[in-house]
Amino acid sequence: MIDEQTAAPDSTAVRTALWRALHVRIDSPPYVLEDEVGLQLAEPGDDWHRRGDMDPSLTAWFRAAIVARARFIEDLVVEQAGRGVGQYVILGAGLDTFAQRRPEIASRLRVFEVDRPEPQAWKRRRLAELGFGVPDWLRLVPVDFEAGGSWWDRLTGAGFDADRPAVVTSTGVALYLTKEANAATLRRLARLAPGSTLAMTFQLPPELLDADKRAGFEVAVKGARESGTPFVSFFAPEEMLALAREAGFAEARHVSASDLNERYFADRPDGLRTSSGEELLVATT
């Protein structure tokens, strides 16, 4: 039994939530994504914006990447819901707040958040404390990967209908898995019902980053390694597309940082742009 009072969120999930909030606090409108719910969940204290990893200038491109990927996925989910897709699966959900910020869309779906048991127990408690609760259409699906837990078995056990199409998203996860584990996940998801869509992020190898961003990325690599969550897998876009097609997806496309900049950051007065090297695979069954 997990003690919800002592369980805690992952540090990477908290950092991501704080970057989303920082976007609203310091960047110029129009905001790519307005999300301060994650900040409420994390409850980091009044001086959270003074943390070293919140430095406005040094983290601008990471911040932009975080809000761009979240907005892209949110747009995708809304689009697919409009086409009648009724299931949304978030692998490695962390402090995702779609269900709390967009209940007018989320309540029309069955939303499954898959994550480790301890962070999910913590999140369940915080949602209750903040008055959001966990409605019937939101399923928190804990999976103990260290004990060999199967996310697919737990997902179907939570009510996921494998015979109906779904949107499945995975952001900031592939980087921490081996290439073999990523390939296995793609093979499993390629067997989703026809009409399903996968959107997942992947990290470019350092040599494919813009030259002026490589030093900053090496700092991030070092920090991740020292914190016990090392970056494991990097993919060139062609390699990721090939993996998806080999896994059995009917179609696969690459959404680059340039695509995201054109879609979400064009003509911004503050010049905010993403170039972190985190890009997207969108694949359909």
Protein backbone atom coordinates (compact mmCIF):
# COMPACT_ATOMS: atom_id res chain seq x y z
CA MET A 1 0.00 0.00 0.00
CA ILE A 2 1.35 3.41 -1.02
CA ASP A 3 1.20 6.21 1.52
CA GLU A 4 -0.23 9.19 -0.40
CA GLN A 5 1.09 11.55 2.27
CA THR A 6 4.71 10.60 1.62
CA ALA A 7 4.52 9.87 -2.14
CA ALA A 8 6.06 12.57 -4.34
CA PRO A 9 6.06 13.58 -8.01
CA ASP A 10 9.05 13.10 -10.27
CA SER A 11 11.39 16.10 -10.35
CA THR A 12 11.23 16.18 -14.15
CA ALA A 13 7.42 16.35 -14.02
CA VAL A 14 7.57 19.25 -11.58
CA ARG A 15 10.12 21.11 -13.72
CA THR A 16 7.91 20.68 -16.77
CA ALA A 17 4.86 22.01 -14.90
CA LEU A 18 6.81 25.01 -13.63
CA TRP A 19 8.10 25.86 -17.11
CA ARG A 20 4.50 25.86 -18.37
CA ALA A 21 3.56 28.26 -15.58
CA LEU A 22 6.65 30.40 -16.18
CA HIS A 23 5.53 30.88 -19.78
CA VAL A 24 2.35 32.56 -18.54
CA ARG A 25 4.19 34.58 -15.90
CA ILE A 26 7.04 36.08 -17.94
CA ASP A 27 6.50 35.62 -21.69
CA SER A 28 4.46 38.01 -23.81
CA PRO A 29 0.96 37.13 -24.95
CA PRO A 30 -0.46 35.47 -26.92
CA TYR A 31 0.35 32.45 -24.79
CA VAL A 32 0.96 29.17 -26.60
CA LEU A 33 -0.53 27.34 -23.63
CA GLU A 34 -2.10 28.75 -20.48
CA ASP A 35 -1.42 26.30 -17.69
CA GLU A 36 -0.93 27.18 -14.06
CA VAL A 37 -2.81 24.14 -12.75
CA GLY A 38 0.43 22.17 -12.71
CA LEU A 39 1.93 24.91 -10.56
CA GLN A 40 -0.98 24.55 -8.12
CA LEU A 41 -0.47 20.79 -8.00
CA ALA A 42 3.29 21.05 -7.45
CA GLU A 43 2.95 23.74 -4.75
CA PRO A 44 6.68 24.58 -4.97
CA GLY A 45 6.70 27.61 -2.65
CA ASP A 46 6.69 31.34 -3.33
CA ASP A 47 10.29 31.49 -4.57
CA TRP A 48 9.93 28.75 -7.20
CA HIS A 49 10.71 31.16 -10.05
CA ARG A 50 14.14 31.82 -8.50
CA ARG A 51 15.24 28.21 -8.97
CA GLY A 52 18.29 27.82 -11.18
CA ASP A 53 16.36 25.75 -13.69
CA MET A 54 13.80 28.57 -14.03
CA ASP A 55 16.29 31.21 -15.25
CA PRO A 56 14.20 33.11 -17.83
CA SER A 57 16.90 33.58 -20.44
CA LEU A 58 18.88 30.35 -20.06
CA THR A 59 15.78 28.14 -20.22
CA ALA A 60 13.77 30.02 -22.87
CA TRP A 61 14.14 27.39 -25.59
CA PHE A 62 13.38 24.53 -23.19
CA ARG A 63 10.32 26.43 -21.96
CA ALA A 64 9.20 27.01 -25.52
CA ALA A 65 9.60 23.32 -26.35
CA ILE A 66 7.50 22.29 -23.36
CA VAL A 67 4.57 24.58 -24.16
CA ALA A 68 4.77 23.85 -27.91
CA ARG A 69 4.59 20.09 -27.50
CA ALA A 70 1.73 20.37 -25.00
CA ARG A 71 -0.23 22.68 -27.31
CA PHE A 72 0.40 20.48 -30.35
CA ILE A 73 -0.88 17.42 -28.54
CA GLU A 74 -3.86 19.29 -27.13
CA ASP A 75 -4.78 20.47 -30.63
CA LEU A 76 -4.44 16.90 -31.89
CA VAL A 77 -6.67 15.49 -29.14
CA VAL A 78 -9.34 18.13 -29.77
CA GLU A 79 -9.21 17.42 -33.50
CA GLN A 80 -9.51 13.66 -33.04
CA ALA A 81 -12.31 14.03 -30.48
CA GLY A 82 -14.17 16.07 -33.09
CA ARG A 83 -13.86 13.10 -35.43
CA GLY A 84 -15.43 10.79 -32.89
CA VAL A 85 -12.37 9.22 -31.24
CA GLY A 86 -13.41 8.59 -27.64
CA GLN A 87 -10.25 7.40 -25.84
CA TYR A 88 -7.13 9.35 -24.87
CA VAL A 89 -4.11 7.63 -23.30
CA ILE A 90 -1.23 9.60 -21.77
CA LEU A 91 1.87 7.47 -21.21
CA GLY A 92 4.13 8.93 -18.53
CA ALA A 93 1.42 11.43 -17.57
CA GLY A 94 3.36 13.25 -14.85
CA LEU A 95 1.60 16.51 -14.04
CA ASP A 96 -0.47 16.61 -17.20
CA THR A 97 -3.43 18.93 -16.63
CA PHE A 98 -5.55 18.51 -19.78
CA ALA A 99 -8.39 16.93 -17.80
CA GLN A 100 -8.49 19.83 -15.34
CA ARG A 101 -8.03 22.68 -17.85
CA ARG A 102 -10.22 21.37 -20.67
CA PRO A 103 -13.07 19.46 -19.01
CA GLU A 104 -15.46 20.47 -21.80
CA ILE A 105 -13.39 18.24 -24.13
CA ALA A 106 -11.99 15.70 -21.66
CA SER A 107 -15.41 14.81 -20.22
CA ARG A 108 -16.48 13.64 -23.69
CA LEU A 109 -13.60 11.17 -23.70
CA ARG A 110 -12.30 8.41 -21.49
CA VAL A 111 -8.89 9.70 -20.43
CA PHE A 112 -6.25 7.27 -19.13
CA GLU A 113 -3.16 8.64 -17.37
CA VAL A 114 -0.43 5.98 -17.10
CA ASP A 115 2.40 6.56 -14.64
CA ARG A 116 4.31 5.01 -11.75
CA PRO A 117 2.28 4.25 -8.61
CA GLU A 118 3.96 6.73 -6.24
CA PRO A 119 3.56 9.88 -8.37
CA GLN A 120 0.01 8.87 -9.20
CA ALA A 121 -0.90 8.42 -5.54
CA TRP A 122 0.52 11.87 -4.87
CA LYS A 123 -1.39 13.38 -7.79
CA ARG A 124 -4.66 11.77 -6.73
CA ARG A 125 -4.27 13.33 -3.30
CA ARG A 126 -3.43 16.77 -4.70
CA LEU A 127 -6.38 16.68 -7.11
CA ALA A 128 -8.66 15.99 -4.17
CA GLU A 129 -7.11 18.74 -2.05
CA LEU A 130 -7.54 21.29 -4.84
CA GLY A 131 -11.16 20.33 -5.46
CA PHE A 132 -10.66 18.77 -8.88
CA GLY A 133 -11.10 15.18 -7.79
CA VAL A 134 -10.94 12.26 -10.22
CA PRO A 135 -14.16 12.05 -12.25
CA ASP A 136 -15.33 8.74 -13.69
CA TRP A 137 -14.08 9.61 -17.19
CA LEU A 138 -10.52 10.10 -15.87
CA ARG A 139 -8.65 6.90 -15.06
CA LEU A 140 -5.33 7.05 -13.23
CA VAL A 141 -3.49 3.86 -14.22
CA PRO A 142 -0.52 3.02 -11.96
CA VAL A 143 2.13 0.72 -13.40
CA ASP A 144 5.07 -0.58 -11.39
CA PHE A 145 7.64 -0.92 -14.19
CA GLU A 146 10.42 -1.85 -11.76
CA ALA A 147 8.41 -4.91 -10.71
CA GLY A 148 7.86 -5.89 -14.33
CA GLY A 149 4.40 -4.39 -14.59
CA SER A 150 2.76 -4.33 -18.03
CA TRP A 151 1.31 -0.93 -18.90
CA TRP A 152 -0.87 -2.56 -21.55
CA ASP A 153 -2.40 -5.04 -19.12
CA ARG A 154 -3.05 -2.32 -16.57
CA LEU A 155 -4.51 -0.06 -19.24
CA THR A 156 -6.99 -2.64 -20.49
CA GLY A 157 -7.77 -3.55 -16.89
CA ALA A 158 -8.72 0.09 -16.28
CA GLY A 159 -11.33 -0.03 -19.01
CA PHE A 160 -9.44 0.79 -22.19
CA ASP A 161 -11.22 -0.76 -25.20
CA ALA A 162 -8.60 -2.13 -27.58
CA ASP A 163 -11.22 -2.49 -30.31
CA ARG A 164 -11.97 1.23 -30.44
CA PRO A 165 -9.65 3.94 -31.82
CA ALA A 166 -7.67 6.12 -29.45
CA VAL A 167 -5.18 8.95 -29.28
CA VAL A 168 -2.04 7.89 -27.41
CA THR A 169 0.60 10.42 -26.40
CA SER A 170 4.04 10.08 -24.89
CA THR A 171 6.09 13.20 -24.20
CA GLY A 172 9.50 13.33 -22.60
CA VAL A 173 9.59 9.54 -22.19
CA ALA A 174 11.48 8.07 -25.16
CA LEU A 175 14.66 9.85 -24.06
CA TYR A 176 14.82 7.78 -20.87
CA LEU A 177 14.15 4.38 -22.48
CA THR A 178 16.48 2.14 -24.45
CA LYS A 179 16.00 1.99 -28.19
CA GLU A 180 14.82 -1.60 -27.78
CA ALA A 181 12.16 -0.52 -25.27
CA ASN A 182 11.03 2.28 -27.58
CA ALA A 183 10.75 -0.15 -30.49
CA ALA A 184 8.71 -2.58 -28.36
CA THR A 185 6.34 0.22 -27.34
CA LEU A 186 5.87 1.21 -30.99
CA ARG A 187 5.10 -2.40 -31.95
CA ARG A 188 2.46 -2.61 -29.22
CA LEU A 189 0.85 0.68 -30.22
CA ALA A 190 0.88 -0.17 -33.93
CA ARG A 191 -1.68 -2.85 -33.08
CA LEU A 192 -4.20 -0.30 -31.84
CA ALA A 193 -7.59 -0.22 -33.56
CA PRO A 194 -7.64 1.35 -37.03
CA GLY A 195 -8.07 5.10 -36.85
CA SER A 196 -5.81 5.47 -33.81
CA THR A 197 -3.07 8.10 -33.57
CA LEU A 198 0.21 8.14 -31.64
CA ALA A 199 2.09 11.35 -30.90
CA MET A 200 5.43 10.96 -29.13
CA THR A 201 8.45 13.14 -28.62
CA PHE A 202 12.01 12.08 -29.28
CA GLN A 203 15.36 13.79 -28.77
CA LEU A 204 17.75 14.55 -31.59
CA PRO A 205 21.39 13.50 -31.19
CA PRO A 206 23.59 16.40 -29.99
CA GLU A 207 25.32 16.67 -33.38
CA LEU A 208 21.97 17.54 -35.02
CA LEU A 209 21.28 20.44 -32.64
CA ASP A 210 21.89 24.04 -33.59
CA ALA A 211 25.53 24.82 -32.79
CA ASP A 212 24.63 27.51 -30.24
CA LYS A 213 22.44 25.06 -28.30
CA ARG A 214 24.85 22.16 -27.92
CA ALA A 215 26.65 23.50 -24.86
CA GLY A 216 23.39 24.09 -23.02
CA PHE A 217 22.18 20.63 -23.95
CA GLU A 218 25.36 19.04 -22.63
CA VAL A 219 24.67 20.76 -19.31
CA ALA A 220 21.20 19.19 -19.33
CA VAL A 221 22.69 15.78 -20.11
CA LYS A 222 25.11 16.11 -17.20
CA GLY A 223 22.36 17.22 -14.83
CA ALA A 224 20.11 14.33 -15.81
CA ARG A 225 22.91 11.84 -15.28
CA GLU A 226 23.80 13.25 -11.87
CA SER A 227 20.15 13.21 -10.77
CA GLY A 228 19.88 9.51 -11.54
CA THR A 229 17.67 9.88 -14.64
CA PRO A 230 20.19 9.77 -17.49
CA PHE A 231 19.27 10.42 -21.09
CA VAL A 232 19.47 7.06 -22.85
CA SER A 233 18.17 7.26 -26.43
CA PHE A 234 18.57 9.78 -29.22
CA PHE A 235 17.02 9.48 -32.67
CA ALA A 236 17.53 11.16 -36.00
CA PRO A 237 14.12 11.84 -37.60
CA GLU A 238 14.71 9.26 -40.35
CA GLU A 239 15.52 6.62 -37.74
CA MET A 240 12.36 7.33 -35.74
CA LEU A 241 10.18 7.24 -38.86
CA ALA A 242 11.75 3.93 -39.89
CA LEU A 243 11.07 2.46 -36.44
CA ALA A 244 7.42 3.46 -36.65
CA ARG A 245 6.97 1.97 -40.10
CA GLU A 246 8.79 -1.22 -39.15
CA ALA A 247 6.54 -1.49 -36.10
CA GLY A 248 3.51 -1.60 -38.39
CA PHE A 249 2.02 1.89 -38.43
CA ALA A 250 0.17 2.71 -41.65
CA GLU A 251 1.54 6.26 -41.79
CA ALA A 252 4.22 8.19 -39.93
CA ARG A 253 5.34 11.81 -40.13
CA HIS A 254 7.95 13.96 -38.43
CA VAL A 255 6.96 17.27 -36.81
CA SER A 256 10.12 19.34 -36.44
CA ALA A 257 10.97 22.26 -34.18
CA SER A 258 10.75 24.44 -37.29
CA ASP A 259 7.19 23.22 -37.85
CA LEU A 260 6.29 24.07 -34.26
CA ASN A 261 7.90 27.50 -34.53
CA GLU A 262 5.94 28.28 -37.69
CA ARG A 263 2.71 27.07 -36.10
CA TYR A 264 2.97 28.59 -32.62
CA PHE A 265 5.74 31.19 -32.44
CA ALA A 266 5.54 33.15 -35.68
CA ASP A 267 5.73 36.93 -35.28
CA ARG A 268 5.92 36.83 -31.49
CA PRO A 269 6.98 40.18 -29.99
CA ASP A 270 9.33 38.47 -27.52
CA GLY A 271 11.08 36.27 -30.10
CA LEU A 272 10.35 33.08 -28.13
CA ARG A 273 11.17 29.98 -30.19
CA THR A 274 11.90 26.33 -29.62
CA SER A 275 15.14 24.63 -30.66
CA SER A 276 15.76 22.17 -27.87
CA GLY A 277 16.13 19.22 -30.23
CA GLU A 278 12.94 17.58 -28.96
CA GLU A 279 10.77 16.77 -31.96
CA LEU A 280 7.62 14.76 -32.61
CA LEU A 281 6.58 11.55 -34.31
CA VAL A 282 2.92 11.35 -35.34
CA ALA A 283 1.87 7.88 -36.51
CA THR A 284 -1.51 6.42 -37.41
CA THR A 285 -2.87 2.90 -37.65
